[in-house]
Amino acid sequence: MWCAEKGLTARAAESSKTNRRRALFQQSEDFLRQARDRASRSWFHSKPSATKQWAEAMTLLKEIRDSLEPMEHRLRSAALEPKSAPSDLRTDTQWEQAVAEVAEQRAQLAADISAPACDVDESRGRLLLYVPTESLMDGAAQNSTKGFFDVDNVPPWDLWIDFSDRTLVSWVPSALEEVAQMGIDVNPEGCIRWAD
């Protein structure tokens, strides 16, 4: 309901720009898969990032990223901003408390929003996992997604739902799955990934 209020729907009319981005994204995923396959079969190209296919994929992802609007403030509502900045959260207890506060505040605010008339497709999404202690904080995911992830690889707090077992769980609406995937694809340490 919170995301529906933000105008994020899976059924938004798709422009030719959106269709082009989708095609480029599929192409980049194909190149990334080829790069990983080649690296696993070759002693010369032992790292996927050293292959021509990886470079091609990064070029396509940059083109997609450049066509996106900045996202750094889109799902980081001032009303839900944690009391401590995500970069200041050091312990599991601090993360648990911050996520619980965000979820509680969102529930209170969402109670005042009338339920949108949305069908099942618009309510779909995926669970995204982020393990803060595994993050290299390199900014690659932030750069490739124009701010969906922050410099520390943290997803936007409007989407936080739980912190358990050293892991932040966020819900990503289907309309933003491709953007989140772009961050996952360039995250070398794998601290952000989809839940199985």
Protein backbone atom coordinates (compact mmCIF):
# COMPACT_ATOMS: atom_id res chain seq x y z
CA MET A 1 0.00 0.00 0.00
CA TRP A 2 2.85 2.37 0.87
CA CYS A 3 4.50 1.88 -2.53
CA ALA A 4 1.18 2.18 -4.37
CA GLU A 5 0.77 5.60 -2.73
CA LYS A 6 4.20 6.53 -4.12
CA GLY A 7 2.99 5.86 -7.66
CA LEU A 8 5.07 2.72 -8.16
CA THR A 9 3.00 0.26 -10.10
CA ALA A 10 3.89 -2.72 -12.20
CA ARG A 11 1.28 -1.76 -14.78
CA ALA A 12 2.45 1.71 -15.63
CA ALA A 13 2.11 2.46 -19.31
CA GLU A 14 5.42 1.61 -20.87
CA SER A 15 6.95 4.13 -23.19
CA SER A 16 9.32 3.31 -26.00
CA LYS A 17 12.14 4.40 -23.64
CA THR A 18 11.04 1.85 -21.08
CA ASN A 19 10.78 -0.88 -23.70
CA ARG A 20 14.28 -0.02 -24.94
CA ARG A 21 15.67 -0.11 -21.39
CA ARG A 22 14.05 -3.50 -20.86
CA ALA A 23 15.62 -4.87 -24.07
CA LEU A 24 19.04 -3.45 -23.14
CA PHE A 25 18.75 -4.95 -19.69
CA GLN A 26 17.98 -8.39 -21.15
CA GLN A 27 20.97 -8.04 -23.46
CA SER A 28 23.23 -7.07 -20.54
CA GLU A 29 22.04 -10.08 -18.53
CA ASP A 30 22.90 -12.32 -21.49
CA PHE A 31 26.40 -10.80 -21.66
CA LEU A 32 26.89 -11.23 -17.89
CA ARG A 33 25.84 -14.88 -18.11
CA GLN A 34 28.27 -15.40 -21.01
CA ALA A 35 31.06 -13.72 -19.02
CA ARG A 36 30.46 -15.97 -16.01
CA ASP A 37 30.33 -19.07 -18.23
CA ARG A 38 33.53 -18.11 -20.02
CA ALA A 39 35.35 -17.41 -16.76
CA SER A 40 34.32 -20.76 -15.30
CA ARG A 41 35.66 -22.62 -18.37
CA SER A 42 38.90 -20.72 -18.96
CA TRP A 43 42.12 -20.48 -17.03
CA PHE A 44 43.02 -17.28 -18.93
CA HIS A 45 39.83 -15.36 -18.06
CA SER A 46 39.37 -16.60 -14.50
CA LYS A 47 37.39 -13.52 -13.47
CA PRO A 48 34.13 -12.63 -15.27
CA SER A 49 35.06 -8.94 -15.04
CA ALA A 50 38.12 -9.58 -17.25
CA THR A 51 36.04 -10.71 -20.24
CA LYS A 52 34.82 -8.78 -23.26
CA GLN A 53 31.25 -9.84 -22.45
CA TRP A 54 31.49 -8.22 -19.02
CA ALA A 55 32.66 -4.96 -20.59
CA GLU A 56 29.76 -5.10 -23.07
CA ALA A 57 27.29 -5.68 -20.23
CA MET A 58 28.70 -2.75 -18.22
CA THR A 59 28.36 -0.48 -21.29
CA LEU A 60 24.70 -1.47 -21.66
CA LEU A 61 24.02 -1.03 -17.93
CA LYS A 62 25.59 2.43 -18.06
CA GLU A 63 23.31 3.35 -20.96
CA ILE A 64 20.30 2.16 -18.98
CA ARG A 65 21.44 3.98 -15.83
CA ASP A 66 21.97 7.20 -17.75
CA SER A 67 18.38 7.03 -19.00
CA LEU A 68 16.92 6.73 -15.48
CA GLU A 69 15.79 9.58 -13.31
CA PRO A 70 17.75 9.97 -10.07
CA MET A 71 16.31 7.65 -7.41
CA GLU A 72 18.23 8.57 -4.27
CA HIS A 73 15.26 10.38 -2.65
CA ARG A 74 12.39 8.50 -4.27
CA LEU A 75 11.91 5.86 -1.57
CA ARG A 76 13.67 7.57 1.30
CA SER A 77 10.74 9.49 2.74
CA ALA A 78 11.57 12.07 5.40
CA ALA A 79 8.64 10.72 7.45
CA LEU A 80 10.29 7.29 7.65
CA GLU A 81 13.93 8.32 7.94
CA PRO A 82 15.64 6.29 10.66
CA LYS A 83 16.87 8.21 13.70
CA SER A 84 20.39 6.98 12.96
CA ALA A 85 21.75 7.08 9.42
CA PRO A 86 22.20 3.59 7.96
CA SER A 87 25.96 4.21 7.78
CA ASP A 88 25.96 4.71 11.57
CA LEU A 89 24.25 1.40 12.34
CA ARG A 90 27.02 -0.91 13.53
CA THR A 91 25.40 -3.72 15.48
CA ASP A 92 22.57 -6.15 14.77
CA THR A 93 20.66 -4.62 17.68
CA GLN A 94 20.94 -1.12 16.16
CA TRP A 95 19.76 -2.45 12.78
CA GLU A 96 16.85 -4.34 14.39
CA GLN A 97 15.74 -1.23 16.25
CA ALA A 98 16.02 1.06 13.20
CA VAL A 99 14.09 -1.33 10.95
CA ALA A 100 11.39 -1.85 13.60
CA GLU A 101 10.99 1.94 13.98
CA VAL A 102 10.69 2.42 10.20
CA ALA A 103 8.15 -0.41 9.90
CA GLU A 104 6.10 0.93 12.81
CA GLN A 105 6.10 4.49 11.48
CA ARG A 106 5.15 3.25 7.99
CA ALA A 107 2.28 1.20 9.47
CA GLN A 108 0.97 4.24 11.31
CA LEU A 109 1.16 6.43 8.21
CA ALA A 110 -0.31 3.71 5.96
CA ALA A 111 -3.29 3.39 8.31
CA ASP A 112 -4.32 6.88 7.14
CA ILE A 113 -4.08 5.89 3.46
CA SER A 114 -7.16 4.37 1.93
CA ALA A 115 -6.39 1.01 0.38
CA PRO A 116 -5.81 1.38 -3.35
CA ALA A 117 -7.87 -0.72 -5.70
CA CYS A 118 -4.97 -2.77 -7.02
CA ASP A 119 -5.04 -6.17 -8.56
CA VAL A 120 -2.68 -9.02 -7.77
CA ASP A 121 -0.12 -8.08 -10.45
CA GLU A 122 0.38 -4.62 -8.98
CA SER A 123 1.05 -6.00 -5.51
CA ARG A 124 3.83 -8.34 -6.67
CA GLY A 125 7.42 -7.85 -5.82
CA ARG A 126 10.44 -9.66 -4.47
CA LEU A 127 12.25 -9.86 -1.18
CA LEU A 128 15.71 -8.36 -1.27
CA LEU A 129 18.38 -9.29 1.25
CA TYR A 130 21.23 -7.04 2.39
CA VAL A 131 23.93 -8.17 4.82
CA PRO A 132 25.62 -5.01 6.21
CA THR A 133 28.66 -6.85 7.57
CA GLU A 134 29.47 -8.18 4.08
CA SER A 135 29.35 -4.79 2.33
CA LEU A 136 32.51 -3.32 0.82
CA MET A 137 30.71 0.05 0.64
CA ASP A 138 32.20 0.76 -2.79
CA GLY A 139 29.30 2.71 -4.31
CA ALA A 140 29.02 0.50 -7.41
CA ALA A 141 25.38 -0.42 -6.73
CA GLN A 142 24.55 3.23 -6.00
CA ASN A 143 26.14 4.35 -9.24
CA SER A 144 24.53 1.69 -11.41
CA THR A 145 21.05 2.35 -10.01
CA LYS A 146 21.23 6.16 -9.78
CA GLY A 147 20.69 6.02 -6.05
CA PHE A 148 18.24 3.15 -5.50
CA PHE A 149 21.00 1.68 -3.30
CA ASP A 150 23.10 4.11 -1.28
CA VAL A 151 26.91 4.24 -1.24
CA ASP A 152 26.96 1.48 1.40
CA ASN A 153 24.65 -0.75 -0.74
CA VAL A 154 21.67 -0.15 1.59
CA PRO A 155 18.27 -0.28 -0.15
CA PRO A 156 15.81 2.59 0.48
CA TRP A 157 14.29 2.59 3.97
CA ASP A 158 10.72 2.95 2.69
CA LEU A 159 11.05 -0.70 1.60
CA TRP A 160 12.56 -2.14 4.82
CA ILE A 161 10.43 -4.83 6.44
CA ASP A 162 12.63 -6.82 8.84
CA PHE A 163 16.12 -7.35 10.20
CA SER A 164 16.88 -10.90 11.18
CA ASP A 165 19.91 -13.15 11.28
CA ARG A 166 22.33 -10.29 10.39
CA THR A 167 20.21 -9.52 7.29
CA LEU A 168 18.03 -6.60 6.28
CA VAL A 169 14.94 -7.78 4.40
CA SER A 170 13.29 -5.31 2.02
CA TRP A 171 10.35 -5.64 -0.34
CA VAL A 172 10.99 -4.43 -3.90
CA PRO A 173 7.88 -3.76 -5.99
CA SER A 174 7.98 -5.50 -9.36
CA ALA A 175 8.20 -2.12 -11.11
CA LEU A 176 11.66 -1.67 -9.55
CA GLU A 177 13.02 -5.22 -9.81
CA GLU A 178 15.16 -4.44 -12.87
CA VAL A 179 16.72 -1.42 -11.16
CA ALA A 180 17.52 -3.49 -8.06
CA GLN A 181 18.95 -6.24 -10.27
CA MET A 182 21.32 -3.70 -11.87
CA GLY A 183 22.76 -3.06 -8.39
CA ILE A 184 23.01 -6.76 -7.59
CA ASP A 185 24.84 -7.40 -10.87
CA VAL A 186 27.64 -4.96 -10.07
CA ASN A 187 27.93 -5.90 -6.38
CA PRO A 188 31.12 -8.00 -6.29
CA GLU A 189 30.87 -9.15 -2.68
CA GLY A 190 27.25 -10.32 -3.01
CA CYS A 191 25.99 -8.48 0.07
CA ILE A 192 22.75 -7.69 -1.79
CA ARG A 193 20.76 -10.51 -3.36
CA TRP A 194 17.24 -11.78 -3.89
CA ALA A 195 15.73 -14.09 -1.32
CA ASP A 196 15.25 -17.65 -2.59
